[in-house]
Amino acid sequence: MSQVADCPTCGSKSKINKSNGETTYKAIQDDEVFKKVGQLKKAMEKFKARAEVLEKELKTLKSSK
């Protein structure tokens, strides 16, 4: 994942790129943020579905004892 920091000149959230001893800042665009949020939502949905399956499995194991 990219490093993010405040730009010293404009104060906006920016990606940091360091090369040859120089640090460059690239402003984060709204479409990039929406893409990342979408990816996170998908990952959370997968995690939630997996957790529900495991909870059901745990219930059946506890009830069979």
N, C-alpha and C. Protein backbone atom coordinates (compact mmCIF):
# COMPACT_ATOMS: atom_id res chain seq x y z
N MET A 1 0.84 -1.16 0.00
CA MET A 1 0.00 0.00 0.00
C MET A 1 0.89 1.24 0.00
N SER A 2 0.46 2.28 -0.66
CA SER A 2 1.23 3.51 -0.78
C SER A 2 1.30 4.25 0.54
N GLN A 3 2.39 4.98 0.70
CA GLN A 3 2.50 5.85 1.86
C GLN A 3 1.75 7.14 1.56
N VAL A 4 0.99 7.62 2.54
CA VAL A 4 0.20 8.82 2.38
C VAL A 4 0.58 9.82 3.45
N ALA A 5 0.70 11.10 3.05
CA ALA A 5 1.03 12.17 3.99
C ALA A 5 0.44 13.47 3.48
N ASP A 6 0.47 14.49 4.33
CA ASP A 6 0.01 15.81 3.92
C ASP A 6 1.09 16.48 3.08
N CYS A 7 0.68 17.10 1.98
CA CYS A 7 1.60 17.83 1.11
C CYS A 7 2.03 19.11 1.84
N PRO A 8 3.33 19.39 1.89
CA PRO A 8 3.78 20.59 2.61
C PRO A 8 3.38 21.90 1.91
N THR A 9 3.13 21.88 0.62
CA THR A 9 2.79 23.13 -0.07
C THR A 9 1.29 23.42 -0.08
N CYS A 10 0.45 22.40 -0.35
CA CYS A 10 -0.99 22.66 -0.46
C CYS A 10 -1.79 22.09 0.70
N GLY A 11 -1.20 21.17 1.49
CA GLY A 11 -1.89 20.61 2.64
C GLY A 11 -2.84 19.48 2.33
N SER A 12 -2.94 19.05 1.07
CA SER A 12 -3.85 17.96 0.72
C SER A 12 -3.19 16.61 1.02
N LYS A 13 -4.04 15.58 1.11
CA LYS A 13 -3.52 14.22 1.28
C LYS A 13 -2.85 13.81 -0.02
N SER A 14 -1.64 13.27 0.07
CA SER A 14 -0.88 12.94 -1.12
C SER A 14 -0.12 11.64 -0.94
N LYS A 15 0.14 10.97 -2.06
CA LYS A 15 1.00 9.79 -2.06
C LYS A 15 2.44 10.29 -2.08
N ILE A 16 3.29 9.59 -1.35
CA ILE A 16 4.70 9.96 -1.29
C ILE A 16 5.50 9.02 -2.19
N ASN A 17 6.39 9.59 -2.98
CA ASN A 17 7.29 8.80 -3.81
C ASN A 17 8.70 9.32 -3.58
N LYS A 18 9.59 8.45 -3.11
CA LYS A 18 10.97 8.86 -2.85
C LYS A 18 11.88 8.20 -3.87
N SER A 19 12.64 9.02 -4.58
CA SER A 19 13.62 8.49 -5.54
C SER A 19 14.78 9.46 -5.65
N ASN A 20 15.99 8.90 -5.67
CA ASN A 20 17.22 9.68 -5.77
C ASN A 20 17.29 10.76 -4.70
N GLY A 21 16.84 10.46 -3.50
CA GLY A 21 16.90 11.42 -2.41
C GLY A 21 15.84 12.50 -2.46
N GLU A 22 15.00 12.51 -3.47
CA GLU A 22 13.95 13.52 -3.58
C GLU A 22 12.60 12.91 -3.22
N THR A 23 11.79 13.67 -2.53
CA THR A 23 10.44 13.23 -2.17
C THR A 23 9.45 14.01 -3.03
N THR A 24 8.60 13.28 -3.75
CA THR A 24 7.57 13.93 -4.54
C THR A 24 6.20 13.58 -3.96
N TYR A 25 5.29 14.50 -4.09
CA TYR A 25 3.93 14.32 -3.57
C TYR A 25 2.97 14.35 -4.74
N LYS A 26 2.04 13.39 -4.77
CA LYS A 26 1.02 13.33 -5.82
C LYS A 26 -0.34 13.31 -5.13
N ALA A 27 -1.16 14.31 -5.41
CA ALA A 27 -2.46 14.43 -4.75
C ALA A 27 -3.31 13.21 -5.05
N ILE A 28 -4.03 12.76 -4.05
CA ILE A 28 -4.92 11.62 -4.20
C ILE A 28 -6.24 12.11 -4.79
N GLN A 29 -6.65 11.51 -5.88
CA GLN A 29 -7.87 11.90 -6.56
C GLN A 29 -9.06 11.15 -5.97
N ASP A 30 -10.24 11.73 -6.10
CA ASP A 30 -11.45 11.13 -5.55
C ASP A 30 -11.71 9.74 -6.13
N ASP A 31 -11.46 9.55 -7.43
CA ASP A 31 -11.73 8.25 -8.03
C ASP A 31 -10.82 7.17 -7.45
N GLU A 32 -9.60 7.53 -7.07
CA GLU A 32 -8.71 6.56 -6.43
C GLU A 32 -9.26 6.15 -5.07
N VAL A 33 -9.78 7.13 -4.33
CA VAL A 33 -10.33 6.86 -3.01
C VAL A 33 -11.55 5.95 -3.14
N PHE A 34 -12.44 6.24 -4.09
CA PHE A 34 -13.63 5.42 -4.28
C PHE A 34 -13.24 3.99 -4.66
N LYS A 35 -12.20 3.83 -5.46
CA LYS A 35 -11.74 2.50 -5.85
C LYS A 35 -11.25 1.73 -4.63
N LYS A 36 -10.46 2.37 -3.79
CA LYS A 36 -9.93 1.72 -2.59
C LYS A 36 -11.06 1.36 -1.62
N VAL A 37 -12.02 2.26 -1.47
CA VAL A 37 -13.15 1.98 -0.58
C VAL A 37 -13.94 0.78 -1.10
N GLY A 38 -14.12 0.71 -2.42
CA GLY A 38 -14.81 -0.43 -3.02
C GLY A 38 -14.07 -1.73 -2.76
N GLN A 39 -12.75 -1.69 -2.88
CA GLN A 39 -11.95 -2.88 -2.61
C GLN A 39 -12.08 -3.31 -1.15
N LEU A 40 -12.06 -2.35 -0.25
CA LEU A 40 -12.19 -2.66 1.16
C LEU A 40 -13.56 -3.25 1.48
N LYS A 41 -14.61 -2.71 0.86
CA LYS A 41 -15.95 -3.23 1.08
C LYS A 41 -16.06 -4.68 0.62
N LYS A 42 -15.48 -4.99 -0.53
CA LYS A 42 -15.50 -6.36 -1.04
C LYS A 42 -14.76 -7.30 -0.09
N ALA A 43 -13.62 -6.85 0.39
CA ALA A 43 -12.83 -7.68 1.30
C ALA A 43 -13.59 -7.92 2.60
N MET A 44 -14.27 -6.90 3.11
CA MET A 44 -15.04 -7.05 4.34
C MET A 44 -16.23 -7.99 4.14
N GLU A 45 -16.86 -7.94 2.98
CA GLU A 45 -17.98 -8.84 2.70
C GLU A 45 -17.51 -10.29 2.68
N LYS A 46 -16.36 -10.54 2.07
CA LYS A 46 -15.81 -11.90 2.04
C LYS A 46 -15.48 -12.37 3.45
N PHE A 47 -14.88 -11.48 4.25
CA PHE A 47 -14.54 -11.83 5.62
C PHE A 47 -15.80 -12.13 6.43
N LYS A 48 -16.83 -11.30 6.25
CA LYS A 48 -18.09 -11.49 6.99
C LYS A 48 -18.74 -12.82 6.62
N ALA A 49 -18.75 -13.15 5.34
CA ALA A 49 -19.35 -14.41 4.89
C ALA A 49 -18.59 -15.59 5.49
N ARG A 50 -17.28 -15.52 5.47
CA ARG A 50 -16.45 -16.60 6.02
C ARG A 50 -16.69 -16.74 7.53
N ALA A 51 -16.80 -15.61 8.23
CA ALA A 51 -17.03 -15.64 9.67
C ALA A 51 -18.39 -16.27 9.99
N GLU A 52 -19.39 -15.97 9.18
CA GLU A 52 -20.72 -16.56 9.41
C GLU A 52 -20.69 -18.07 9.23
N VAL A 53 -19.97 -18.53 8.21
CA VAL A 53 -19.84 -19.97 7.98
C VAL A 53 -19.15 -20.63 9.17
N LEU A 54 -18.10 -20.01 9.66
CA LEU A 54 -17.37 -20.57 10.79
C LEU A 54 -18.22 -20.57 12.06
N GLU A 55 -19.05 -19.54 12.25
CA GLU A 55 -19.93 -19.50 13.41
C GLU A 55 -20.95 -20.63 13.37
N LYS A 56 -21.51 -20.89 12.19
CA LYS A 56 -22.47 -21.99 12.05
C LYS A 56 -21.79 -23.33 12.33
N GLU A 57 -20.58 -23.48 11.81
CA GLU A 57 -19.83 -24.72 12.03
C GLU A 57 -19.54 -24.91 13.51
N LEU A 58 -19.17 -23.84 14.18
CA LEU A 58 -18.89 -23.91 15.62
C LEU A 58 -20.14 -24.26 16.40
N LYS A 59 -21.29 -23.71 16.01
CA LYS A 59 -22.55 -24.04 16.68
C LYS A 59 -22.87 -25.52 16.56
N THR A 60 -22.69 -26.07 15.34
CA THR A 60 -22.99 -27.49 15.14
C THR A 60 -22.03 -28.37 15.93
N LEU A 61 -20.78 -27.96 16.02
CA LEU A 61 -19.82 -28.73 16.80
C LEU A 61 -20.15 -28.70 18.29
N LYS A 62 -20.57 -27.54 18.78
CA LYS A 62 -20.92 -27.45 20.20
C LYS A 62 -22.18 -28.23 20.52
N SER A 63 -23.14 -28.23 19.61
CA SER A 63 -24.41 -28.92 19.86
C SER A 63 -24.25 -30.44 19.73
N SER A 64 -23.26 -30.91 19.02
CA SER A 64 -23.09 -32.35 18.85
C SER A 64 -22.38 -33.00 20.03
N LYS A 65 -21.85 -32.21 20.94
CA LYS A 65 -21.14 -32.77 22.10
C LYS A 65 -22.05 -33.29 23.15
